[in-house]
Amino acid sequence: MRDTPIIVTPIFQAAFVNLFPTPYSAYADTPAYRITMLFDQQADLSALTQGIEEVAAQQGLDPHAATFDHPLRRQTLFRRRDAHWTARAVNAEPPTVLDAYALPLQFPQTLYGGCYARAALRPIPNDATQPPGVSLQLLSVQKVAEGELMQVTPESCHHPCESMPSLEHN
């Protein structure tokens, strides 16, 4: 299979961020580095969708089939009133993590759930232990703006969260 191109995402709100080495991983059998990306409903995800469809076609899979494990989903998260596109990118190797000036970030708390970022990804076929589909390999993440810290607790799951703040206010 030929290499698929690297795709740079539009700006997203980061969630469930694990981009730095940790001494203990609760997910020992899964890649240690991951990020969930919350894209605005109007975000242009055509390059990402095209990359996913290319990898699916190379594997002889239909990305529109009900059994296809698609990495891009339209969901309402945290009981938000409006839907957003979500995707999770993973990698067994540590990704490059940069600030808005393309300088390396050194501290995990600098890139947090709620800040805004963009990522460089590569769609790859799922391995044999996963359902037929495509995963997103995380290559790098660049923080582009501060955001409201997302705090997901058992209590917050029962109350609607504020809608995603606009980048113009940051």
Protein backbone atom coordinates (compact mmCIF):
# COMPACT_ATOMS: atom_id res chain seq x y z
CA MET A 1 0.00 0.00 0.00
CA ARG A 2 1.36 3.42 -0.86
CA ASP A 3 1.68 6.06 1.83
CA THR A 4 -1.28 8.34 2.20
CA PRO A 5 -0.56 12.06 2.36
CA ILE A 6 -0.26 13.95 5.61
CA ILE A 7 -3.39 15.99 6.31
CA VAL A 8 -3.41 19.18 8.36
CA THR A 9 -6.75 19.61 10.08
CA PRO A 10 -8.75 22.78 10.46
CA ILE A 11 -8.68 24.32 13.94
CA PHE A 12 -10.44 22.18 16.55
CA GLN A 13 -11.11 22.21 20.26
CA ALA A 14 -8.95 19.64 22.03
CA ALA A 15 -10.45 17.08 24.40
CA PHE A 16 -9.10 14.02 26.22
CA VAL A 17 -5.51 15.10 25.60
CA ASN A 18 -2.67 12.65 26.29
CA LEU A 19 0.34 13.86 24.30
CA PHE A 20 3.21 13.59 26.74
CA PRO A 21 4.85 10.50 28.28
CA THR A 22 3.32 9.37 31.55
CA PRO A 23 4.74 6.88 34.05
CA TYR A 24 1.45 4.99 34.13
CA SER A 25 -1.08 4.40 31.39
CA ALA A 26 -4.54 3.10 32.13
CA TYR A 27 -4.64 2.02 28.50
CA ALA A 28 -1.65 -0.32 28.43
CA ASP A 29 -2.96 -2.21 25.39
CA THR A 30 -3.64 0.91 23.28
CA PRO A 31 -1.34 3.61 21.88
CA ALA A 32 -0.14 5.88 24.65
CA TYR A 33 -0.51 9.18 22.80
CA ARG A 34 -3.95 10.39 21.78
CA ILE A 35 -6.18 13.40 21.33
CA THR A 36 -9.88 13.79 20.62
CA MET A 37 -10.66 16.62 18.23
CA LEU A 38 -13.96 18.52 18.35
CA PHE A 39 -14.55 20.22 15.02
CA ASP A 40 -17.18 22.87 14.50
CA GLN A 41 -20.12 21.61 12.46
CA GLN A 42 -19.21 23.95 9.57
CA ALA A 43 -15.49 23.00 9.49
CA ASP A 44 -14.11 22.02 6.09
CA LEU A 45 -13.16 18.38 6.61
CA SER A 46 -12.99 17.51 2.91
CA ALA A 47 -9.23 16.72 2.91
CA LEU A 48 -9.64 14.47 5.94
CA THR A 49 -12.67 12.74 4.44
CA GLN A 50 -10.87 12.25 1.12
CA GLY A 51 -7.84 10.73 2.88
CA ILE A 52 -10.06 8.33 4.83
CA GLU A 53 -11.89 7.31 1.65
CA GLU A 54 -8.57 6.73 -0.19
CA VAL A 55 -7.31 4.37 2.51
CA ALA A 56 -10.67 2.57 2.59
CA ALA A 57 -10.60 2.12 -1.20
CA GLN A 58 -7.03 0.75 -1.05
CA GLN A 59 -8.30 -1.83 1.44
CA GLY A 60 -11.37 -2.66 -0.67
CA LEU A 61 -13.71 -1.25 2.00
CA ASP A 62 -16.80 0.90 1.60
CA PRO A 63 -16.49 3.89 3.98
CA HIS A 64 -20.27 4.28 3.92
CA ALA A 65 -21.01 0.71 5.03
CA ALA A 66 -22.59 0.25 8.45
CA THR A 67 -19.74 -2.07 9.51
CA PHE A 68 -16.96 0.39 8.54
CA ASP A 69 -15.07 1.78 11.56
CA HIS A 70 -14.94 5.47 10.56
CA PRO A 71 -12.69 7.76 12.62
CA LEU A 72 -14.81 10.87 11.91
CA ARG A 73 -18.17 11.00 13.66
CA ARG A 74 -20.94 13.52 14.03
CA GLN A 75 -21.87 13.61 17.68
CA THR A 76 -23.34 15.71 20.39
CA LEU A 77 -20.77 15.61 23.17
CA PHE A 78 -21.23 16.47 26.82
CA ARG A 79 -24.94 17.02 26.21
CA ARG A 80 -24.32 19.99 23.96
CA ARG A 81 -27.34 21.19 22.07
CA ASP A 82 -25.61 21.26 18.69
CA ALA A 83 -23.69 18.49 17.00
CA HIS A 84 -19.98 18.65 16.25
CA TRP A 85 -17.68 16.43 14.26
CA THR A 86 -15.32 14.41 16.41
CA ALA A 87 -12.26 12.38 15.58
CA ARG A 88 -9.66 10.63 17.71
CA ALA A 89 -6.05 10.39 16.59
CA VAL A 90 -3.55 8.03 18.20
CA ASN A 91 0.08 7.03 17.94
CA ALA A 92 2.37 4.66 19.81
CA GLU A 93 5.21 7.16 19.32
CA PRO A 94 5.17 10.62 20.91
CA PRO A 95 3.90 13.28 18.48
CA THR A 96 5.56 16.64 17.98
CA VAL A 97 3.71 19.18 20.14
CA LEU A 98 4.16 22.88 19.28
CA ASP A 99 2.88 26.27 20.38
CA ALA A 100 1.44 28.94 18.07
CA TYR A 101 4.98 30.06 17.16
CA ALA A 102 6.06 26.52 16.19
CA LEU A 103 8.22 26.16 19.31
CA PRO A 104 8.12 22.86 21.21
CA LEU A 105 5.78 22.70 24.20
CA GLN A 106 7.47 21.21 27.23
CA PHE A 107 4.68 20.93 29.79
CA PRO A 108 1.56 18.77 29.54
CA GLN A 109 -0.68 21.40 31.15
CA THR A 110 0.07 23.84 28.30
CA LEU A 111 -2.07 21.91 25.82
CA TYR A 112 -5.26 21.01 27.65
CA GLY A 113 -8.82 19.91 26.98
CA GLY A 114 -10.58 23.08 25.89
CA CYS A 115 -7.75 24.87 24.08
CA TYR A 116 -7.70 25.23 20.31
CA ALA A 117 -5.25 23.41 18.08
CA ARG A 118 -4.67 21.87 14.70
CA ALA A 119 -3.00 18.57 13.92
CA ALA A 120 -1.07 16.76 11.23
CA LEU A 121 -2.57 13.31 10.69
CA ARG A 122 -2.21 10.35 8.40
CA PRO A 123 -5.19 8.05 7.74
CA ILE A 124 -4.07 4.42 8.09
CA PRO A 125 -5.91 1.10 7.84
CA ASN A 126 -7.02 -0.47 11.09
CA ASP A 127 -4.84 -3.36 12.22
CA ALA A 128 -6.08 -6.95 12.39
CA THR A 129 -7.25 -6.59 16.02
CA GLN A 130 -9.71 -3.82 15.11
CA PRO A 131 -12.90 -3.84 13.05
CA PRO A 132 -12.46 -3.11 9.32
CA GLY A 133 -11.93 0.61 8.89
CA VAL A 134 -9.49 3.49 9.14
CA SER A 135 -7.68 5.11 12.07
CA LEU A 136 -5.96 8.47 12.27
CA GLN A 137 -2.26 8.39 13.08
CA LEU A 138 -1.28 11.48 15.08
CA LEU A 139 1.96 13.03 13.82
CA SER A 140 1.96 16.49 15.40
CA VAL A 141 -0.25 18.98 17.23
CA GLN A 142 0.05 22.76 17.29
CA LYS A 143 -1.78 24.77 19.93
CA VAL A 144 -3.17 27.92 18.30
CA ALA A 145 -5.30 29.57 21.01
CA GLU A 146 -6.34 29.38 24.63
CA GLY A 147 -9.80 28.13 25.46
CA GLU A 148 -12.03 27.41 28.40
CA LEU A 149 -10.69 24.46 30.38
CA MET A 150 -12.90 21.41 29.92
CA GLN A 151 -13.54 19.68 33.17
CA VAL A 152 -15.37 16.42 32.73
CA THR A 153 -16.55 15.10 36.05
CA PRO A 154 -19.47 12.83 36.94
CA GLU A 155 -21.44 15.93 37.94
CA SER A 156 -20.77 17.79 34.68
CA CYS A 157 -22.14 14.90 32.65
CA HIS A 158 -25.60 15.64 34.02
CA HIS A 159 -25.65 19.32 33.07
CA PRO A 160 -25.44 20.89 29.62
CA CYS A 161 -22.07 22.51 28.95
CA GLU A 162 -21.69 25.92 27.45
CA SER A 163 -21.51 25.95 23.68
CA MET A 164 -18.04 26.02 22.18
CA PRO A 165 -16.60 29.54 22.54
CA SER A 166 -15.71 31.40 19.39
CA LEU A 167 -12.05 31.91 18.49
CA GLU A 168 -12.74 35.63 17.97
CA HIS A 169 -13.16 36.07 21.73
CA ASN A 170 -9.67 34.71 22.52
